[in-house]
C-alpha atoms as a PDB file:
ATOM      1  CA  MET A   1      19.919  -5.704 -19.171  1.00  0.00           C
ATOM      2  CA  LYS A   2      20.205  -2.563 -16.774  1.00  0.00           C
ATOM      3  CA  PRO A   3      16.737  -1.162 -15.945  1.00  0.00           C
ATOM      4  CA  PHE A   4      15.811   2.359 -18.257  1.00  0.00           C
ATOM      5  CA  ARG A   5      17.304   5.156 -16.722  1.00  0.00           C
ATOM      6  CA  PHE A   6      16.617   8.920 -18.261  1.00  0.00           C
ATOM      7  CA  ASP A   7      19.673  10.806 -18.505  1.00  0.00           C
ATOM      8  CA  LEU A   8      17.557  14.168 -18.864  1.00  0.00           C
ATOM      9  CA  ASP A   9      15.753  13.497 -14.990  1.00  0.00           C
ATOM     10  CA  PRO A  10      17.093  16.033 -12.848  1.00  0.00           C
ATOM     11  CA  VAL A  11      16.241  18.466 -15.794  1.00  0.00           C
ATOM     12  CA  LEU A  12      12.633  17.100 -15.628  1.00  0.00           C
ATOM     13  CA  GLU A  13      12.417  17.336 -11.358  1.00  0.00           C
ATOM     14  CA  TYR A  14      13.609  20.753 -11.858  1.00  0.00           C
ATOM     15  CA  ARG A  15      10.931  21.354 -14.563  1.00  0.00           C
ATOM     16  CA  ARG A  16       8.592  20.187 -12.447  1.00  0.00           C
ATOM     17  CA  ARG A  17       9.629  22.233  -9.187  1.00  0.00           C
ATOM     18  CA  VAL A  18       9.507  25.488 -11.563  1.00  0.00           C
ATOM     19  CA  GLU A  19       5.891  24.851 -12.834  1.00  0.00           C
ATOM     20  CA  GLU A  20       4.915  23.799  -9.096  1.00  0.00           C
ATOM     21  CA  THR A  21       6.784  27.902  -8.137  1.00  0.00           C
ATOM     22  CA  ARG A  22       4.859  29.214 -10.916  1.00  0.00           C
ATOM     23  CA  ARG A  23       1.525  27.896  -9.540  1.00  0.00           C
ATOM     24  CA  ALA A  24       2.195  28.553  -6.549  1.00  0.00           C
ATOM     25  CA  ASP A  25       2.934  32.335  -7.256  1.00  0.00           C
ATOM     26  CA  GLN A  26       0.005  32.361  -9.620  1.00  0.00           C
ATOM     27  CA  THR A  27      -2.175  31.184  -6.867  1.00  0.00           C
ATOM     28  CA  LEU A  28      -0.825  33.958  -4.702  1.00  0.00           C
ATOM     29  CA  ALA A  29      -1.558  36.531  -7.315  1.00  0.00           C
ATOM     30  CA  GLN A  30      -4.931  35.281  -7.551  1.00  0.00           C
ATOM     31  CA  ARG A  31      -5.679  35.545  -3.527  1.00  0.00           C
ATOM     32  CA  ASP A  32      -4.039  39.002  -3.824  1.00  0.00           C
ATOM     33  CA  LEU A  33      -6.552  40.191  -6.761  1.00  0.00           C
ATOM     34  CA  ALA A  34      -9.356  38.553  -5.137  1.00  0.00           C
ATOM     35  CA  GLU A  35      -8.693  40.813  -1.733  1.00  0.00           C
ATOM     36  CA  VAL A  36      -8.440  43.918  -3.745  1.00  0.00           C
ATOM     37  CA  ASN A  37     -11.331  43.285  -5.599  1.00  0.00           C
ATOM     38  CA  VAL A  38     -13.456  42.658  -2.465  1.00  0.00           C
ATOM     39  CA  ARG A  39     -11.864  45.764  -0.705  1.00  0.00           C
ATOM     40  CA  TYR A  40     -12.460  47.937  -4.370  1.00  0.00           C
ATOM     41  CA  LEU A  41     -16.042  46.482  -4.292  1.00  0.00           C
ATOM     42  CA  ALA A  42     -16.433  47.539  -0.648  1.00  0.00           C
ATOM     43  CA  CYS A  43     -15.399  50.932  -0.784  1.00  0.00           C
ATOM     44  CA  VAL A  44     -17.585  51.551  -4.085  1.00  0.00           C
ATOM     45  CA  SER A  45     -20.555  50.636  -2.312  1.00  0.00           C
ATOM     46  CA  GLU A  46     -19.276  53.082   0.895  1.00  0.00           C
ATOM     47  CA  SER A  47     -18.865  55.344  -1.973  1.00  0.00           C
ATOM     48  CA  LYS A  48     -22.449  55.353  -3.351  1.00  0.00           C
ATOM     49  CA  ARG A  49     -23.833  55.308   0.362  1.00  0.00           C
ATOM     50  CA  ALA A  50     -21.752  58.637   1.431  1.00  0.00           C
ATOM     51  CA  VAL A  51     -22.819  60.415  -2.020  1.00  0.00           C
ATOM     52  CA  GLU A  52     -26.689  59.392  -1.296  1.00  0.00           C
ATOM     53  CA  ASP A  53     -25.814  60.792   2.433  1.00  0.00           C
ATOM     54  CA  LEU A  54     -24.282  63.745   1.128  1.00  0.00           C
ATOM     55  CA  ARG A  55     -27.351  64.544  -1.301  1.00  0.00           C
ATOM     56  CA  ARG A  56     -29.671  64.081   1.945  1.00  0.00           C
ATOM     57  CA  LEU A  57     -27.580  66.527   3.901  1.00  0.00           C
ATOM     58  CA  ALA A  58     -27.785  68.965   1.057  1.00  0.00           C
ATOM     59  CA  ASP A  59     -31.326  68.674   0.087  1.00  0.00           C
ATOM     60  CA  ALA A  60     -32.551  68.746   3.808  1.00  0.00           C
ATOM     61  CA  GLY A  61     -30.350  71.850   4.445  1.00  0.00           C
ATOM     62  CA  GLY A  62     -27.878  70.217   7.014  1.00  0.00           C
ATOM     63  CA  GLU A  63     -25.166  72.211   8.249  1.00  0.00           C
ATOM     64  CA  ALA A  64     -22.400  73.590   6.490  1.00  0.00           C
ATOM     65  CA  VAL A  65     -19.720  71.906   8.432  1.00  0.00           C
ATOM     66  CA  ARG A  66     -21.654  68.821   8.178  1.00  0.00           C
ATOM     67  CA  VAL A  67     -21.945  69.101   4.376  1.00  0.00           C
ATOM     68  CA  ARG A  68     -18.555  69.857   3.790  1.00  0.00           C
ATOM     69  CA  ALA A  69     -17.248  66.753   6.272  1.00  0.00           C
ATOM     70  CA  GLN A  70     -19.260  64.381   3.679  1.00  0.00           C
ATOM     71  CA  GLN A  71     -17.684  65.970   0.527  1.00  0.00           C
ATOM     72  CA  VAL A  72     -14.450  65.550   2.248  1.00  0.00           C
ATOM     73  CA  TYR A  73     -15.542  62.093   3.172  1.00  0.00           C
ATOM     74  CA  VAL A  74     -16.694  61.278  -0.697  1.00  0.00           C
ATOM     75  CA  ALA A  75     -13.395  62.736  -2.253  1.00  0.00           C
ATOM     76  CA  ALA A  76     -11.340  60.524  -0.020  1.00  0.00           C
ATOM     77  CA  LEU A  77     -13.342  57.333  -1.064  1.00  0.00           C
ATOM     78  CA  GLY A  78     -12.871  58.714  -4.635  1.00  0.00           C
ATOM     79  CA  ARG A  79      -9.399  58.556  -4.285  1.00  0.00           C
ATOM     80  CA  ARG A  80      -9.172  55.191  -2.452  1.00  0.00           C
ATOM     81  CA  ALA A  81     -11.489  53.820  -5.385  1.00  0.00           C
ATOM     82  CA  ALA A  82      -8.961  55.203  -8.014  1.00  0.00           C
ATOM     83  CA  ALA A  83      -5.986  53.542  -6.155  1.00  0.00           C
ATOM     84  CA  LEU A  84      -8.038  50.080  -5.395  1.00  0.00           C
ATOM     85  CA  ARG A  85      -8.570  49.995  -9.216  1.00  0.00           C
ATOM     86  CA  GLU A  86      -4.843  50.701 -10.509  1.00  0.00           C
ATOM     87  CA  ASP A  87      -4.182  47.703  -7.628  1.00  0.00           C
ATOM     88  CA  ARG A  88      -6.746  45.860  -9.617  1.00  0.00           C
ATOM     89  CA  GLN A  89      -5.192  46.490 -12.842  1.00  0.00           C
ATOM     90  CA  ARG A  90      -1.561  45.775 -11.962  1.00  0.00           C
ATOM     91  CA  LEU A  91      -2.699  42.703 -10.121  1.00  0.00           C
ATOM     92  CA  ASN A  92      -4.763  41.221 -13.213  1.00  0.00           C
ATOM     93  CA  LEU A  93      -1.745  42.059 -15.446  1.00  0.00           C
ATOM     94  CA  ARG A  94       0.717  40.280 -12.993  1.00  0.00           C
ATOM     95  CA  VAL A  95      -2.129  37.116 -12.728  1.00  0.00           C
ATOM     96  CA  HIS A  96      -2.119  37.214 -16.437  1.00  0.00           C
ATOM     97  CA  ASP A  97       1.784  37.174 -16.981  1.00  0.00           C
ATOM     98  CA  LEU A  98       2.030  34.374 -14.390  1.00  0.00           C
ATOM     99  CA  GLY A  99      -0.001  32.368 -16.249  1.00  0.00           C
ATOM    100  CA  GLU A 100       1.486  32.597 -19.312  1.00  0.00           C
ATOM    101  CA  ARG A 101       4.535  31.747 -17.698  1.00  0.00           C
ATOM    102  CA  LEU A 102       2.912  28.632 -15.636  1.00  0.00           C
ATOM    103  CA  CYS A 103       1.923  27.760 -19.084  1.00  0.00           C
ATOM    104  CA  GLU A 104       5.290  27.846 -20.539  1.00  0.00           C
ATOM    105  CA  ALA A 105       6.691  26.171 -17.963  1.00  0.00           C
ATOM    106  CA  ALA A 106       4.409  23.476 -18.126  1.00  0.00           C
ATOM    107  CA  GLN A 107       4.732  22.825 -22.034  1.00  0.00           C
ATOM    108  CA  GLU A 108       8.674  22.811 -20.952  1.00  0.00           C
ATOM    109  CA  ARG A 109       7.549  20.009 -18.611  1.00  0.00           C
ATOM    110  CA  ARG A 110       5.589  18.082 -20.888  1.00  0.00           C
ATOM    111  CA  VAL A 111       8.221  18.174 -23.807  1.00  0.00           C
ATOM    112  CA  LEU A 112      10.575  16.413 -21.473  1.00  0.00           C
ATOM    113  CA  GLU A 113       8.079  13.734 -20.175  1.00  0.00           C
ATOM    114  CA  LYS A 114       6.802  12.897 -23.801  1.00  0.00           C
ATOM    115  CA  LEU A 115      11.067  12.413 -24.756  1.00  0.00           C
ATOM    116  CA  LYS A 116      11.149  10.431 -21.514  1.00  0.00           C
ATOM    117  CA  GLU A 117       8.313   8.338 -22.912  1.00  0.00           C
ATOM    118  CA  ALA A 118       9.489   8.156 -25.978  1.00  0.00           C
ATOM    119  CA  ARG A 119      13.252   6.832 -24.828  1.00  0.00           C
ATOM    120  CA  SER A 120      11.554   4.668 -22.499  1.00  0.00           C
ATOM    121  CA  ALA A 121       9.608   2.992 -25.158  1.00  0.00           C
ATOM    122  CA  ASN A 122      12.770   2.631 -27.635  1.00  0.00           C
ATOM    123  CA  TYR A 123      14.525   1.263 -24.480  1.00  0.00           C
ATOM    124  CA  ALA A 124      11.613  -1.351 -24.027  1.00  0.00           C
ATOM    125  CA  LEU A 125      11.694  -2.571 -27.598  1.00  0.00           C
ATOM    126  CA  ALA A 126      15.483  -2.975 -27.852  1.00  0.00           C
ATOM    127  CA  VAL A 127      15.175  -4.857 -24.431  1.00  0.00           C
ATOM    128  CA  SER A 128      12.818  -6.961 -26.285  1.00  0.00           C
ATOM    129  CA  ARG A 129      14.763  -7.724 -29.622  1.00  0.00           C
ATOM    130  CA  ALA A 130      17.832  -8.433 -27.505  1.00  0.00           C
ATOM    131  CA  GLU A 131      15.546 -10.871 -25.516  1.00  0.00           C
ATOM    132  CA  GLN A 132      13.987 -12.556 -28.645  1.00  0.00           C
ATOM    133  CA  THR A 133      17.238 -12.633 -30.401  1.00  0.00           C
ATOM    134  CA  LEU A 134      18.920 -14.473 -27.154  1.00  0.00           C
ATOM    135  CA  MET A 135      15.540 -16.906 -27.278  1.00  0.00           C
ATOM    136  CA  ASP A 136      16.588 -17.317 -30.913  1.00  0.00           C
ATOM    137  CA  GLU A 137      19.973 -18.350 -30.322  1.00  0.00           C
ATOM    138  CA  MET A 138      19.040 -20.685 -27.117  1.00  0.00           C
ATOM    139  CA  ALA A 139      16.650 -22.229 -29.291  1.00  0.00           C
ATOM    140  CA  GLN A 140      18.698 -22.701 -32.156  1.00  0.00           C
ATOM    141  CA  LYS A 141      21.846 -23.988 -29.832  1.00  0.00           C
ATOM    142  CA  LEU A 142      19.311 -26.092 -28.233  1.00  0.00           C
ATOM    143  CA  HIS A 143      18.346 -27.769 -31.643  1.00  0.00           C
ATOM    144  CA  CYS A 144      21.734 -28.323 -32.598  1.00  0.00           C
ATOM    145  CA  ALA A 145      22.445 -30.101 -29.828  1.00  0.00           C
ATOM    146  CA  ARG A 146      19.466 -32.436 -29.857  1.00  0.00           C
ATOM    147  CA  HIS A 147      20.332 -33.081 -33.298  1.00  0.00           C
ATOM    148  CA  ALA A 148      24.154 -33.179 -33.171  1.00  0.00           C
ATOM    149  CA  VAL A 149      23.785 -30.606 -36.469  1.00  0.00           C
ATOM    150  CA  GLY A 150      26.537 -27.854 -37.159  1.00  0.00           C
ATOM    151  CA  CYS A 151      24.381 -24.799 -37.253  1.00  0.00           C
ATOM    152  CA  ALA A 152      25.181 -21.244 -38.284  1.00  0.00           C
ATOM    153  CA  PRO A 153      25.057 -19.307 -35.244  1.00  0.00           C
ATOM    154  CA  ALA A 154      21.850 -16.645 -35.460  1.00  0.00           C
ATOM    155  CA  SER A 155      24.288 -13.818 -33.627  1.00  0.00           C
ATOM    156  CA  GLY A 156      27.007 -14.253 -36.012  1.00  0.00           C
ATOM    157  CA  LEU A 157      29.266 -15.698 -33.083  1.00  0.00           C
ATOM    158  CA  PRO A 158      31.669 -18.340 -34.413  1.00  0.00           C
ATOM    159  CA  ALA A 159      30.018 -21.778 -34.774  1.00  0.00           C
ATOM    160  CA  GLY A 160      32.698 -23.133 -32.185  1.00  0.00           C
ATOM    161  CA  LEU A 161      30.680 -21.014 -29.472  1.00  0.00           C
ATOM    162  CA  ILE A 162      27.457 -23.229 -30.463  1.00  0.00           C
ATOM    163  CA  VAL A 163      26.911 -26.811 -28.286  1.00  0.00           C
ATOM    164  CA  GLY A 164      27.432 -29.239 -30.789  1.00  0.00           C
ATOM    165  CA  GLY A 165      28.830 -27.390 -33.486  1.00  0.00           C
ATOM    166  CA  PRO A 166      32.132 -28.240 -35.234  1.00  0.00           C
ATOM    167  CA  ALA A 167      34.823 -27.125 -33.117  1.00  0.00           C
END
């Protein structure tokens, strides 16, 4: 018999590529999120340090120009931290969305793989049964030929096709 061929192999291959693409997209988004997290934490740390510097300047009676410059710097750091926080939230949502899409793609691929396995198992069973039927017919023909007995075929073929059977 012909070897097993799954007629949905092109679809299965497509599903695999979709899953790989979605996995790569999620990995890139996670990397972007990690980078934004690092920048956000550095900004928060710098902001805390700048606030402490501003307090020290104000407590020490520093020059008004330097105090004002430090206030402007702290405000700018606050705006930058807020922007990075928004970027983090946006990227968190993107990573979550991409994760869900990856799970869907993986599930679609697994469904097709299960179908392929089931069809392959059914094909193997059909091949096994056909081989067994063929072996049974060969054994029956051999038996009939040795004993010169007219035998009814196991496969439903006319008796004249069996060696040693009635003509």
